[in-house]
């Protein structure tokens, strides 16, 4: 038994599946993943501190 891990583009899945079945590989697990895109955050604005009169 061999374990092969491959990362392919979604539109190439059918072509890869056909090629694997042509050489006799029948078992195939295809997990769906999403790209890791960083979340966009709004820029933070901190107003300058005002001096507090002590007295």
N, C-alpha and C. Protein backbone atom coordinates (compact mmCIF):
# COMPACT_ATOMS: atom_id res chain seq x y z
N UNK A 1 0.85 -1.17 0.00
CA UNK A 1 0.00 0.00 0.00
C UNK A 1 0.90 1.24 0.00
N UNK A 2 0.55 2.23 -0.79
CA UNK A 2 1.30 3.48 -0.89
C UNK A 2 0.39 4.62 -0.47
N UNK A 3 1.00 5.64 0.14
CA UNK A 3 0.27 6.83 0.55
C UNK A 3 0.83 8.01 -0.22
N UNK A 4 0.00 8.66 -1.00
CA UNK A 4 0.43 9.78 -1.82
C UNK A 4 -0.39 10.99 -1.44
N UNK A 5 0.29 12.12 -1.22
CA UNK A 5 -0.39 13.38 -0.92
C UNK A 5 -0.07 14.34 -2.05
N UNK A 6 -1.11 14.98 -2.59
CA UNK A 6 -0.91 15.93 -3.68
C UNK A 6 -1.83 17.12 -3.49
N UNK A 7 -1.32 18.28 -3.85
CA UNK A 7 -2.14 19.49 -3.84
C UNK A 7 -2.34 19.89 -5.29
N UNK A 8 -3.59 19.85 -5.72
CA UNK A 8 -3.89 20.17 -7.12
C UNK A 8 -4.98 21.23 -7.16
N UNK A 9 -5.09 21.86 -8.29
CA UNK A 9 -6.12 22.88 -8.48
C UNK A 9 -7.46 22.19 -8.73
N UNK A 10 -8.56 22.80 -8.28
CA UNK A 10 -9.87 22.14 -8.41
C UNK A 10 -10.25 21.77 -9.84
N UNK A 11 -9.88 22.60 -10.81
CA UNK A 11 -10.27 22.30 -12.19
C UNK A 11 -9.45 21.17 -12.80
N UNK A 12 -8.39 20.72 -12.12
CA UNK A 12 -7.59 19.61 -12.61
C UNK A 12 -7.96 18.28 -11.97
N UNK A 13 -8.94 18.28 -11.10
CA UNK A 13 -9.29 17.06 -10.36
C UNK A 13 -9.74 15.94 -11.27
N UNK A 14 -10.60 16.21 -12.24
CA UNK A 14 -11.08 15.15 -13.12
C UNK A 14 -9.95 14.53 -13.93
N UNK A 15 -9.03 15.36 -14.39
CA UNK A 15 -7.89 14.86 -15.17
C UNK A 15 -6.99 13.97 -14.32
N UNK A 16 -6.75 14.38 -13.08
CA UNK A 16 -5.91 13.58 -12.18
C UNK A 16 -6.61 12.28 -11.82
N UNK A 17 -7.89 12.33 -11.56
CA UNK A 17 -8.66 11.13 -11.22
C UNK A 17 -8.63 10.12 -12.36
N UNK A 18 -8.79 10.60 -13.60
CA UNK A 18 -8.75 9.70 -14.76
C UNK A 18 -7.36 9.08 -14.93
N UNK A 19 -6.32 9.89 -14.70
CA UNK A 19 -4.96 9.37 -14.85
C UNK A 19 -4.67 8.31 -13.79
N UNK A 20 -5.13 8.53 -12.57
CA UNK A 20 -4.91 7.54 -11.51
C UNK A 20 -5.68 6.26 -11.77
N UNK A 21 -6.90 6.37 -12.24
CA UNK A 21 -7.68 5.15 -12.52
C UNK A 21 -7.08 4.39 -13.71
N UNK A 22 -6.41 5.10 -14.62
CA UNK A 22 -5.78 4.43 -15.77
C UNK A 22 -4.62 3.54 -15.34
N UNK A 23 -3.96 3.90 -14.23
CA UNK A 23 -2.85 3.05 -13.76
C UNK A 23 -3.28 2.10 -12.65
N UNK A 24 -4.58 2.04 -12.37
CA UNK A 24 -5.10 1.04 -11.45
C UNK A 24 -5.37 1.50 -10.04
N UNK A 25 -5.29 2.79 -9.77
CA UNK A 25 -5.58 3.30 -8.42
C UNK A 25 -7.07 3.65 -8.36
N UNK A 26 -7.77 2.98 -7.44
CA UNK A 26 -9.21 3.19 -7.37
C UNK A 26 -9.63 4.00 -6.15
N UNK A 27 -8.89 3.94 -5.05
CA UNK A 27 -9.26 4.67 -3.84
C UNK A 27 -8.74 6.10 -3.88
N UNK A 28 -9.60 7.05 -3.60
CA UNK A 28 -9.21 8.45 -3.67
C UNK A 28 -10.03 9.25 -2.67
N UNK A 29 -9.36 10.00 -1.83
CA UNK A 29 -10.03 10.87 -0.87
C UNK A 29 -9.71 12.31 -1.26
N UNK A 30 -10.74 13.12 -1.42
CA UNK A 30 -10.55 14.50 -1.84
C UNK A 30 -11.18 15.43 -0.81
N UNK A 31 -10.37 15.97 0.10
CA UNK A 31 -10.92 16.94 1.05
C UNK A 31 -11.01 18.32 0.38
N UNK A 32 -11.98 19.08 0.78
CA UNK A 32 -12.16 20.42 0.24
C UNK A 32 -11.52 21.40 1.22
N UNK A 33 -10.69 22.28 0.70
CA UNK A 33 -10.04 23.25 1.57
C UNK A 33 -10.23 24.65 1.00
N UNK A 34 -10.06 25.62 1.87
CA UNK A 34 -10.16 27.02 1.46
C UNK A 34 -8.79 27.65 1.62
N UNK A 35 -8.52 28.66 0.83
CA UNK A 35 -7.22 29.32 0.98
C UNK A 35 -7.13 30.07 2.30
N UNK A 36 -5.95 30.15 2.82
CA UNK A 36 -5.73 30.87 4.07
C UNK A 36 -5.50 32.34 3.74
N UNK A 37 -6.56 33.12 3.81
CA UNK A 37 -6.48 34.54 3.50
C UNK A 37 -6.58 35.30 4.81
N UNK A 38 -5.64 36.17 5.09
CA UNK A 38 -5.74 36.92 6.35
C UNK A 38 -6.97 37.82 6.36
N UNK A 39 -7.56 37.92 7.51
CA UNK A 39 -8.74 38.77 7.65
C UNK A 39 -8.32 40.23 7.57
N UNK A 40 -9.12 41.01 6.88
CA UNK A 40 -8.82 42.44 6.80
C UNK A 40 -9.43 43.12 8.01
N UNK A 41 -8.64 43.91 8.66
CA UNK A 41 -9.13 44.63 9.83
C UNK A 41 -9.11 46.11 9.53
N UNK A 42 -10.00 46.82 10.16
CA UNK A 42 -10.04 48.26 9.99
C UNK A 42 -8.86 48.88 10.72
N UNK A 43 -8.28 49.92 10.16
CA UNK A 43 -7.16 50.55 10.86
C UNK A 43 -7.64 51.17 12.17
N UNK A 44 -6.83 51.03 13.17
CA UNK A 44 -7.18 51.56 14.49
C UNK A 44 -6.66 52.99 14.60
N UNK A 45 -7.47 53.84 15.16
CA UNK A 45 -7.07 55.22 15.36
C UNK A 45 -7.14 55.51 16.85
N UNK A 46 -6.03 55.90 17.40
CA UNK A 46 -5.99 56.26 18.80
C UNK A 46 -5.69 57.75 18.88
N UNK A 47 -6.64 58.54 19.37
CA UNK A 47 -6.39 59.98 19.46
C UNK A 47 -5.30 60.25 20.48
N UNK A 48 -4.59 61.36 20.33
CA UNK A 48 -3.51 61.66 21.29
C UNK A 48 -4.09 61.88 22.69
N UNK A 49 -3.31 61.46 23.64
CA UNK A 49 -3.76 61.61 25.03
C UNK A 49 -3.72 63.07 25.42
N UNK A 50 -4.74 63.47 26.13
CA UNK A 50 -4.79 64.85 26.61
C UNK A 50 -4.20 64.88 28.00
N UNK A 51 -3.52 65.95 28.28
CA UNK A 51 -2.95 66.04 29.63
C UNK A 51 -4.08 66.32 30.61
N UNK A 52 -4.02 65.66 31.71
CA UNK A 52 -5.06 65.81 32.76
C UNK A 52 -4.49 66.75 33.81
N UNK A 53 -5.14 67.90 34.01
CA UNK A 53 -4.63 68.82 35.03
C UNK A 53 -4.77 68.21 36.41
N UNK A 54 -3.73 68.28 37.18
CA UNK A 54 -3.77 67.78 38.55
C UNK A 54 -3.77 68.98 39.48
N UNK A 55 -4.58 68.93 40.41
CA UNK A 55 -4.52 70.09 41.25
C UNK A 55 -5.40 70.07 42.35
